[in-house]
Amino acid sequence: METLEKIIQGLNVPLEVMFQFHETEDMDSRTEKAEVLTAIGSLMNSRSLEQNKLIFRVIKDILSTIDVQNEPNK
């Protein structure tokens, strides 16, 4: 986390700007998806194994809920 803080300070940009994902029409969706997954991975790297397991379970629950809601005739 200290390294990230140093990078943000070195770039002299607000924290919220560092994590904004600007949508551009010409951006390839695969590239955008890869960037989002990379950002998630970066956030997870600073967490403990137990926190990663908890977050993984929450993500699985959210995706299961989305899948159920997207099923036809539901």
C-alpha atoms as a PDB file:
ATOM      1  CA  MET A   1       0.000   0.000   0.000  1.00  0.00           C
ATOM      2  CA  GLU A   2       2.907   2.325   0.696  1.00  0.00           C
ATOM      3  CA  THR A   3       4.191   1.851  -2.842  1.00  0.00           C
ATOM      4  CA  LEU A   4       0.805   2.758  -4.302  1.00  0.00           C
ATOM      5  CA  GLU A   5       0.662   5.865  -2.130  1.00  0.00           C
ATOM      6  CA  LYS A   6       4.125   6.876  -3.329  1.00  0.00           C
ATOM      7  CA  ILE A   7       3.108   6.388  -6.969  1.00  0.00           C
ATOM      8  CA  ILE A   8      -0.039   8.478  -6.495  1.00  0.00           C
ATOM      9  CA  GLN A   9       1.933  11.213  -4.753  1.00  0.00           C
ATOM     10  CA  GLY A  10       4.637  11.075  -7.418  1.00  0.00           C
ATOM     11  CA  LEU A  11       2.071  11.472 -10.183  1.00  0.00           C
ATOM     12  CA  ASN A  12       0.400  14.255  -8.211  1.00  0.00           C
ATOM     13  CA  VAL A  13      -3.115  13.007  -8.958  1.00  0.00           C
ATOM     14  CA  PRO A  14      -6.091  12.542  -6.616  1.00  0.00           C
ATOM     15  CA  LEU A  15      -6.706   8.980  -5.443  1.00  0.00           C
ATOM     16  CA  GLU A  16     -10.107   8.777  -7.131  1.00  0.00           C
ATOM     17  CA  VAL A  17      -8.554   9.715 -10.492  1.00  0.00           C
ATOM     18  CA  MET A  18      -6.092   6.835 -10.190  1.00  0.00           C
ATOM     19  CA  PHE A  19      -8.909   4.303 -10.210  1.00  0.00           C
ATOM     20  CA  GLN A  20     -11.280   5.849 -12.708  1.00  0.00           C
ATOM     21  CA  PHE A  21     -11.948   3.746 -15.755  1.00  0.00           C
ATOM     22  CA  HIS A  22     -12.791   6.057 -18.595  1.00  0.00           C
ATOM     23  CA  GLU A  23     -15.120   4.520 -21.117  1.00  0.00           C
ATOM     24  CA  THR A  24     -14.144   5.181 -24.680  1.00  0.00           C
ATOM     25  CA  GLU A  25     -16.075   3.891 -27.631  1.00  0.00           C
ATOM     26  CA  ASP A  26     -13.006   2.618 -29.434  1.00  0.00           C
ATOM     27  CA  MET A  27     -11.702   0.588 -26.506  1.00  0.00           C
ATOM     28  CA  ASP A  28     -11.788  -3.112 -27.204  1.00  0.00           C
ATOM     29  CA  SER A  29     -14.005  -4.911 -24.695  1.00  0.00           C
ATOM     30  CA  ARG A  30     -11.383  -7.604 -24.126  1.00  0.00           C
ATOM     31  CA  THR A  31      -8.819  -4.954 -23.237  1.00  0.00           C
ATOM     32  CA  GLU A  32     -11.258  -3.250 -20.904  1.00  0.00           C
ATOM     33  CA  LYS A  33     -12.115  -6.560 -19.237  1.00  0.00           C
ATOM     34  CA  ALA A  34      -8.417  -7.340 -18.801  1.00  0.00           C
ATOM     35  CA  GLU A  35      -7.854  -3.922 -17.211  1.00  0.00           C
ATOM     36  CA  VAL A  36     -10.703  -4.452 -14.764  1.00  0.00           C
ATOM     37  CA  LEU A  37      -9.427  -7.921 -13.839  1.00  0.00           C
ATOM     38  CA  THR A  38      -5.914  -6.540 -13.383  1.00  0.00           C
ATOM     39  CA  ALA A  39      -7.260  -3.801 -11.094  1.00  0.00           C
ATOM     40  CA  ILE A  40      -9.154  -6.398  -9.052  1.00  0.00           C
ATOM     41  CA  GLY A  41      -6.008  -8.508  -8.802  1.00  0.00           C
ATOM     42  CA  SER A  42      -4.021  -5.498  -7.616  1.00  0.00           C
ATOM     43  CA  LEU A  43      -6.563  -4.802  -4.908  1.00  0.00           C
ATOM     44  CA  MET A  44      -6.524  -8.436  -3.806  1.00  0.00           C
ATOM     45  CA  ASN A  45      -2.716  -8.652  -3.623  1.00  0.00           C
ATOM     46  CA  SER A  46      -2.615  -6.361  -0.624  1.00  0.00           C
ATOM     47  CA  ARG A  47      -5.091  -8.504   1.329  1.00  0.00           C
ATOM     48  CA  SER A  48      -4.507 -11.557   3.492  1.00  0.00           C
ATOM     49  CA  LEU A  49      -5.371 -15.053   2.342  1.00  0.00           C
ATOM     50  CA  GLU A  50      -8.373 -15.125   4.666  1.00  0.00           C
ATOM     51  CA  GLN A  51      -9.631 -11.812   3.263  1.00  0.00           C
ATOM     52  CA  ASN A  52      -9.155 -13.141  -0.273  1.00  0.00           C
ATOM     53  CA  LYS A  53     -11.184 -16.232   0.561  1.00  0.00           C
ATOM     54  CA  LEU A  54     -13.971 -14.131   2.046  1.00  0.00           C
ATOM     55  CA  ILE A  55     -14.052 -11.800  -0.960  1.00  0.00           C
ATOM     56  CA  PHE A  56     -14.065 -14.795  -3.315  1.00  0.00           C
ATOM     57  CA  ARG A  57     -17.097 -16.260  -1.528  1.00  0.00           C
ATOM     58  CA  VAL A  58     -18.898 -12.914  -1.737  1.00  0.00           C
ATOM     59  CA  ILE A  59     -18.116 -12.648  -5.465  1.00  0.00           C
ATOM     60  CA  LYS A  60     -19.408 -16.195  -6.050  1.00  0.00           C
ATOM     61  CA  ASP A  61     -22.634 -15.363  -4.186  1.00  0.00           C
ATOM     62  CA  ILE A  62     -23.142 -12.181  -6.185  1.00  0.00           C
ATOM     63  CA  LEU A  63     -22.569 -13.988  -9.486  1.00  0.00           C
ATOM     64  CA  SER A  64     -24.935 -16.796  -8.486  1.00  0.00           C
ATOM     65  CA  THR A  65     -27.626 -14.232  -7.697  1.00  0.00           C
ATOM     66  CA  ILE A  66     -27.074 -12.508 -11.050  1.00  0.00           C
ATOM     67  CA  ASP A  67     -27.249 -15.861 -12.864  1.00  0.00           C
ATOM     68  CA  VAL A  68     -30.540 -16.761 -11.166  1.00  0.00           C
ATOM     69  CA  GLN A  69     -32.013 -13.369 -12.029  1.00  0.00           C
ATOM     70  CA  ASN A  70     -30.952 -13.759 -15.659  1.00  0.00           C
ATOM     71  CA  GLU A  71     -32.504 -17.196 -16.094  1.00  0.00           C
ATOM     72  CA  PRO A  72     -35.534 -17.218 -18.405  1.00  0.00           C
ATOM     73  CA  ASN A  73     -38.958 -17.602 -16.780  1.00  0.00           C
ATOM     74  CA  LYS A  74     -37.790 -16.284 -13.436  1.00  0.00           C
END
